[in-house]
PDB file of all heavy atoms in Angstrom:
ATOM      1  N   MET A   1       5.123  19.053  75.966  1.00  0.00           N
ATOM      2  CA  MET A   1       6.474  18.595  76.426  1.00  0.00           C
ATOM      3  C   MET A   1       7.452  19.826  76.388  1.00  0.00           C
ATOM      4  O   MET A   1       8.316  19.930  77.404  1.00  0.00           O
ATOM      5  CB  MET A   1       7.013  17.538  75.425  1.00  0.00           C
ATOM      6  CG  MET A   1       6.334  16.200  75.526  1.00  0.00           C
ATOM      7  SD  MET A   1       7.117  15.055  74.359  1.00  0.00           S
ATOM      8  CE  MET A   1       8.850  14.910  74.821  1.00  0.00           C
ATOM      9  N   MET A   2       7.270  20.834  75.541  1.00  0.00           N
ATOM     10  CA  MET A   2       8.229  21.934  75.525  1.00  0.00           C
ATOM     11  C   MET A   2       7.685  23.125  76.420  1.00  0.00           C
ATOM     12  O   MET A   2       8.208  24.127  76.356  1.00  0.00           O
ATOM     13  CB  MET A   2       8.358  22.432  74.087  1.00  0.00           C
ATOM     14  CG  MET A   2       8.919  21.408  73.062  1.00  0.00           C
ATOM     15  SD  MET A   2      10.408  20.778  73.734  1.00  0.00           S
ATOM     16  CE  MET A   2      11.438  22.232  73.747  1.00  0.00           C
ATOM     17  N   GLY A   3       6.584  22.845  77.143  1.00  0.00           N
ATOM     18  CA  GLY A   3       6.184  23.708  78.161  1.00  0.00           C
ATOM     19  C   GLY A   3       5.169  24.810  77.685  1.00  0.00           C
ATOM     20  O   GLY A   3       4.967  25.892  78.270  1.00  0.00           O
ATOM     21  N   ALA A   4       4.709  24.630  76.479  1.00  0.00           N
ATOM     22  CA  ALA A   4       3.751  25.573  75.743  1.00  0.00           C
ATOM     23  C   ALA A   4       2.481  24.839  75.181  1.00  0.00           C
ATOM     24  O   ALA A   4       2.410  24.429  74.104  1.00  0.00           O
ATOM     25  CB  ALA A   4       4.508  26.191  74.592  1.00  0.00           C
ATOM     26  N   GLU A   5       1.641  24.709  76.133  1.00  0.00           N
ATOM     27  CA  GLU A   5       0.334  23.953  75.811  1.00  0.00           C
ATOM     28  C   GLU A   5      -0.426  24.819  74.856  1.00  0.00           C
ATOM     29  O   GLU A   5      -0.394  26.028  74.840  1.00  0.00           O
ATOM     30  CB  GLU A   5      -0.485  23.643  76.960  1.00  0.00           C
ATOM     31  CG  GLU A   5       0.185  22.635  78.028  1.00  0.00           C
ATOM     32  CD  GLU A   5      -0.781  22.334  79.156  1.00  0.00           C
ATOM     33  OE1 GLU A   5      -0.732  23.248  80.058  1.00  0.00           O
ATOM     34  OE2 GLU A   5      -1.289  21.283  79.143  1.00  0.00           O
ATOM     35  N   VAL A   6      -1.211  24.173  73.987  1.00  0.00           N
ATOM     36  CA  VAL A   6      -1.994  24.794  73.005  1.00  0.00           C
ATOM     37  C   VAL A   6      -2.975  25.916  73.680  1.00  0.00           C
ATOM     38  O   VAL A   6      -3.021  27.108  73.237  1.00  0.00           O
ATOM     39  CB  VAL A   6      -2.814  23.954  72.114  1.00  0.00           C
ATOM     40  CG1 VAL A   6      -3.759  24.766  71.123  1.00  0.00           C
ATOM     41  CG2 VAL A   6      -1.901  22.929  71.311  1.00  0.00           C
ATOM     42  N   ALA A   7      -3.634  25.441  74.740  1.00  0.00           N
ATOM     43  CA  ALA A   7      -4.520  26.442  75.437  1.00  0.00           C
ATOM     44  C   ALA A   7      -3.806  27.678  75.914  1.00  0.00           C
ATOM     45  O   ALA A   7      -4.381  28.901  75.868  1.00  0.00           O
ATOM     46  CB  ALA A   7      -5.231  25.648  76.591  1.00  0.00           C
ATOM     47  N   THR A   8      -2.632  27.500  76.500  1.00  0.00           N
ATOM     48  CA  THR A   8      -1.806  28.542  77.039  1.00  0.00           C
ATOM     49  C   THR A   8      -1.417  29.509  75.862  1.00  0.00           C
ATOM     50  O   THR A   8      -1.616  30.819  76.076  1.00  0.00           O
ATOM     51  CB  THR A   8      -0.630  28.056  77.689  1.00  0.00           C
ATOM     52  OG1 THR A   8      -1.010  27.138  78.793  1.00  0.00           O
ATOM     53  CG2 THR A   8       0.183  29.233  78.355  1.00  0.00           C
ATOM     54  N   LEU A   9      -1.080  29.015  74.801  1.00  0.00           N
ATOM     55  CA  LEU A   9      -0.495  29.780  73.613  1.00  0.00           C
ATOM     56  C   LEU A   9      -1.789  30.550  73.198  1.00  0.00           C
ATOM     57  O   LEU A   9      -1.602  31.830  72.740  1.00  0.00           O
ATOM     58  CB  LEU A   9       0.074  28.925  72.468  1.00  0.00           C
ATOM     59  CG  LEU A   9       1.390  28.235  72.908  1.00  0.00           C
ATOM     60  CD1 LEU A   9       1.831  27.341  71.668  1.00  0.00           C
ATOM     61  CD2 LEU A   9       2.434  29.365  73.148  1.00  0.00           C
ATOM     62  N   LEU A  10      -2.976  29.897  73.006  1.00  0.00           N
ATOM     63  CA  LEU A  10      -4.067  30.645  72.501  1.00  0.00           C
ATOM     64  C   LEU A  10      -4.573  31.734  73.455  1.00  0.00           C
ATOM     65  O   LEU A  10      -5.041  32.732  73.038  1.00  0.00           O
ATOM     66  CB  LEU A  10      -5.211  29.663  72.262  1.00  0.00           C
ATOM     67  CG  LEU A  10      -5.134  28.688  71.160  1.00  0.00           C
ATOM     68  CD1 LEU A  10      -6.223  27.682  71.172  1.00  0.00           C
ATOM     69  CD2 LEU A  10      -5.023  29.391  69.818  1.00  0.00           C
ATOM     70  N   ALA A  11      -4.374  31.542  74.787  1.00  0.00           N
ATOM     71  CA  ALA A  11      -4.748  32.470  75.770  1.00  0.00           C
ATOM     72  C   ALA A  11      -3.881  33.666  75.688  1.00  0.00           C
ATOM     73  O   ALA A  11      -4.353  34.866  75.634  1.00  0.00           O
ATOM     74  CB  ALA A  11      -4.680  31.939  77.095  1.00  0.00           C
ATOM     75  N   HIS A  12      -2.527  33.468  75.454  1.00  0.00           N
ATOM     76  CA  HIS A  12      -1.622  34.641  75.154  1.00  0.00           C
ATOM     77  C   HIS A  12      -1.902  35.399  73.921  1.00  0.00           C
ATOM     78  O   HIS A  12      -1.768  36.522  73.887  1.00  0.00           O
ATOM     79  CB  HIS A  12      -0.103  34.045  75.239  1.00  0.00           C
ATOM     80  CG  HIS A  12       0.522  33.969  76.540  1.00  0.00           C
ATOM     81  ND1 HIS A  12       1.206  34.833  77.207  1.00  0.00           N
ATOM     82  CD2 HIS A  12       0.363  32.864  77.396  1.00  0.00           C
ATOM     83  CE1 HIS A  12       1.639  34.494  78.284  1.00  0.00           C
ATOM     84  NE2 HIS A  12       1.012  33.259  78.576  1.00  0.00           N
ATOM     85  N   LEU A  13      -2.262  34.610  72.952  1.00  0.00           N
ATOM     86  CA  LEU A  13      -2.631  35.314  71.613  1.00  0.00           C
ATOM     87  C   LEU A  13      -3.727  36.118  71.777  1.00  0.00           C
ATOM     88  O   LEU A  13      -3.811  37.238  71.294  1.00  0.00           O
ATOM     89  CB  LEU A  13      -2.907  34.209  70.641  1.00  0.00           C
ATOM     90  CG  LEU A  13      -3.284  34.678  69.137  1.00  0.00           C
ATOM     91  CD1 LEU A  13      -2.192  35.478  68.520  1.00  0.00           C
ATOM     92  CD2 LEU A  13      -3.629  33.491  68.364  1.00  0.00           C
ATOM     93  N   ARG A  14      -4.848  35.628  72.591  1.00  0.00           N
ATOM     94  CA  ARG A  14      -5.982  36.423  72.715  1.00  0.00           C
ATOM     95  C   ARG A  14      -5.800  37.611  73.658  1.00  0.00           C
ATOM     96  O   ARG A  14      -6.207  38.743  73.346  1.00  0.00           O
ATOM     97  CB  ARG A  14      -7.101  35.571  73.373  1.00  0.00           C
ATOM     98  CG  ARG A  14      -8.479  36.312  73.547  1.00  0.00           C
ATOM     99  CD  ARG A  14      -9.524  35.281  74.196  1.00  0.00           C
ATOM    100  NE  ARG A  14      -9.073  34.677  75.440  1.00  0.00           N
ATOM    101  CZ  ARG A  14      -8.674  33.577  75.587  1.00  0.00           C
ATOM    102  NH1 ARG A  14      -8.641  32.651  74.537  1.00  0.00           N
ATOM    103  NH2 ARG A  14      -8.377  33.011  76.817  1.00  0.00           N
ATOM    104  N   ASP A  15      -4.892  37.479  74.608  1.00  0.00           N
ATOM    105  CA  ASP A  15      -4.652  38.563  75.551  1.00  0.00           C
ATOM    106  C   ASP A  15      -3.798  39.647  74.960  1.00  0.00           C
ATOM    107  O   ASP A  15      -3.931  40.854  75.211  1.00  0.00           O
ATOM    108  CB  ASP A  15      -3.893  38.119  76.873  1.00  0.00           C
ATOM    109  CG  ASP A  15      -4.782  37.271  77.676  1.00  0.00           C
ATOM    110  OD1 ASP A  15      -6.068  37.156  77.550  1.00  0.00           O
ATOM    111  OD2 ASP A  15      -4.232  36.439  78.507  1.00  0.00           O
ATOM    112  N   ASP A  16      -2.921  39.205  73.994  1.00  0.00           N
ATOM    113  CA  ASP A  16      -2.088  40.233  73.215  1.00  0.00           C
ATOM    114  C   ASP A  16      -2.703  40.841  72.059  1.00  0.00           C
ATOM    115  O   ASP A  16      -2.187  41.775  71.458  1.00  0.00           O
ATOM    116  CB  ASP A  16      -0.785  39.463  72.748  1.00  0.00           C
ATOM    117  CG  ASP A  16       0.008  39.021  73.910  1.00  0.00           C
ATOM    118  OD1 ASP A  16      -0.241  39.564  75.116  1.00  0.00           O
ATOM    119  OD2 ASP A  16       0.857  38.177  73.751  1.00  0.00           O
ATOM    120  N   THR A  17      -3.921  40.460  71.699  1.00  0.00           N
ATOM    121  CA  THR A  17      -4.571  41.037  70.611  1.00  0.00           C
ATOM    122  C   THR A  17      -5.387  42.281  71.031  1.00  0.00           C
ATOM    123  O   THR A  17      -6.292  42.228  71.871  1.00  0.00           O
ATOM    124  CB  THR A  17      -5.639  40.150  69.967  1.00  0.00           C
ATOM    125  OG1 THR A  17      -4.864  38.850  69.533  1.00  0.00           O
ATOM    126  CG2 THR A  17      -6.298  40.702  68.678  1.00  0.00           C
ATOM    127  N   PRO A  18      -5.055  43.437  70.485  1.00  0.00           N
ATOM    128  CA  PRO A  18      -5.711  44.727  70.744  1.00  0.00           C
ATOM    129  C   PRO A  18      -7.195  44.643  70.467  1.00  0.00           C
ATOM    130  O   PRO A  18      -7.594  44.127  69.353  1.00  0.00           O
ATOM    131  CB  PRO A  18      -5.019  45.809  69.939  1.00  0.00           C
ATOM    132  CG  PRO A  18      -4.453  45.100  68.885  1.00  0.00           C
ATOM    133  CD  PRO A  18      -3.974  43.691  69.428  1.00  0.00           C
ATOM    134  N   ASP A  19      -8.081  45.048  71.432  1.00  0.00           N
ATOM    135  CA  ASP A  19      -9.583  44.992  71.135  1.00  0.00           C
ATOM    136  C   ASP A  19     -10.012  46.443  71.082  1.00  0.00           C
ATOM    137  O   ASP A  19      -9.964  47.206  71.801  1.00  0.00           O
ATOM    138  CB  ASP A  19     -10.127  44.405  72.383  1.00  0.00           C
ATOM    139  CG  ASP A  19     -11.676  44.240  72.105  1.00  0.00           C
ATOM    140  OD1 ASP A  19     -12.200  44.559  71.105  1.00  0.00           O
ATOM    141  OD2 ASP A  19     -12.403  43.718  73.103  1.00  0.00           O
ATOM    142  N   ASP A  20     -10.344  46.684  69.743  1.00  0.00           N
ATOM    143  CA  ASP A  20     -10.770  48.038  69.391  1.00  0.00           C
ATOM    144  C   ASP A  20     -12.041  48.489  70.214  1.00  0.00           C
ATOM    145  O   ASP A  20     -12.322  49.666  70.372  1.00  0.00           O
ATOM    146  CB  ASP A  20     -11.094  48.313  67.945  1.00  0.00           C
ATOM    147  CG  ASP A  20      -9.729  48.148  67.123  1.00  0.00           C
ATOM    148  OD1 ASP A  20      -8.565  48.328  67.787  1.00  0.00           O
ATOM    149  OD2 ASP A  20      -9.827  47.726  65.976  1.00  0.00           O
ATOM    150  N   THR A  21     -12.846  47.478  70.577  1.00  0.00           N
ATOM    151  CA  THR A  21     -14.088  47.777  71.296  1.00  0.00           C
ATOM    152  C   THR A  21     -13.983  48.394  72.659  1.00  0.00           C
ATOM    153  O   THR A  21     -14.758  48.897  73.173  1.00  0.00           O
ATOM    154  CB  THR A  21     -15.000  46.652  71.251  1.00  0.00           C
ATOM    155  OG1 THR A  21     -14.349  45.431  71.971  1.00  0.00           O
ATOM    156  CG2 THR A  21     -15.207  46.104  69.830  1.00  0.00           C
ATOM    157  N   THR A  22     -12.711  48.033  73.246  1.00  0.00           N
ATOM    158  CA  THR A  22     -12.451  48.548  74.614  1.00  0.00           C
ATOM    159  C   THR A  22     -11.832  49.848  74.674  1.00  0.00           C
ATOM    160  O   THR A  22     -11.700  50.561  75.707  1.00  0.00           O
ATOM    161  CB  THR A  22     -11.474  47.567  75.349  1.00  0.00           C
ATOM    162  OG1 THR A  22     -10.311  47.479  74.549  1.00  0.00           O
ATOM    163  CG2 THR A  22     -12.178  46.160  75.357  1.00  0.00           C
ATOM    164  N   ARG A  23     -11.350  50.475  73.523  1.00  0.00           N
ATOM    165  CA  ARG A  23     -10.768  51.680  73.545  1.00  0.00           C
ATOM    166  C   ARG A  23     -11.848  52.853  73.648  1.00  0.00           C
ATOM    167  O   ARG A  23     -12.805  52.783  72.986  1.00  0.00           O
ATOM    168  CB  ARG A  23      -9.908  51.879  72.179  1.00  0.00           C
ATOM    169  CG  ARG A  23      -8.811  50.954  72.026  1.00  0.00           C
ATOM    170  CD  ARG A  23      -8.120  51.210  70.687  1.00  0.00           C
ATOM    171  NE  ARG A  23      -6.987  50.250  70.599  1.00  0.00           N
ATOM    172  CZ  ARG A  23      -6.216  50.344  69.464  1.00  0.00           C
ATOM    173  NH1 ARG A  23      -6.511  51.132  68.465  1.00  0.00           N
ATOM    174  NH2 ARG A  23      -5.239  49.406  69.468  1.00  0.00           N
ATOM    175  N   PRO A  24     -11.680  53.767  74.439  1.00  0.00           N
ATOM    176  CA  PRO A  24     -12.627  54.912  74.578  1.00  0.00           C
ATOM    177  C   PRO A  24     -12.558  55.710  73.261  1.00  0.00           C
ATOM    178  O   PRO A  24     -11.534  56.029  72.694  1.00  0.00           O
ATOM    179  CB  PRO A  24     -11.988  55.823  75.724  1.00  0.00           C
ATOM    180  CG  PRO A  24     -10.573  55.444  75.785  1.00  0.00           C
ATOM    181  CD  PRO A  24     -10.472  54.033  75.382  1.00  0.00           C
ATOM    182  N   THR A  25     -13.806  56.011  72.868  1.00  0.00           N
ATOM    183  CA  THR A  25     -13.940  56.848  71.560  1.00  0.00           C
ATOM    184  C   THR A  25     -14.525  58.175  71.923  1.00  0.00           C
ATOM    185  O   THR A  25     -15.379  58.326  72.814  1.00  0.00           O
ATOM    186  CB  THR A  25     -14.846  56.183  70.604  1.00  0.00           C
ATOM    187  OG1 THR A  25     -15.982  55.814  71.283  1.00  0.00           O
ATOM    188  CG2 THR A  25     -14.196  54.874  70.164  1.00  0.00           C
ATOM    189  N   ARG A  26     -13.999  59.268  71.238  1.00  0.00           N
ATOM    190  CA  ARG A  26     -14.544  60.556  71.527  1.00  0.00           C
ATOM    191  C   ARG A  26     -15.621  60.900  70.454  1.00  0.00           C
ATOM    192  O   ARG A  26     -15.487  60.685  69.398  1.00  0.00           O
ATOM    193  CB  ARG A  26     -13.347  61.538  71.287  1.00  0.00           C
ATOM    194  CG  ARG A  26     -13.849  62.983  71.533  1.00  0.00           C
ATOM    195  CD  ARG A  26     -12.618  63.980  71.323  1.00  0.00           C
ATOM    196  NE  ARG A  26     -11.644  63.603  72.436  1.00  0.00           N
ATOM    197  CZ  ARG A  26     -10.518  64.317  72.398  1.00  0.00           C
ATOM    198  NH1 ARG A  26     -10.169  65.262  71.556  1.00  0.00           N
ATOM    199  NH2 ARG A  26      -9.572  64.022  73.343  1.00  0.00           N
TER     200      ARG A  26
END
């Protein structure tokens, strides 16, 4: 009702979480 579905919020949470595995390592 407030325009923030659970699935949408979880998707934003996942997208905003930094993934250390994607960072290039030297």
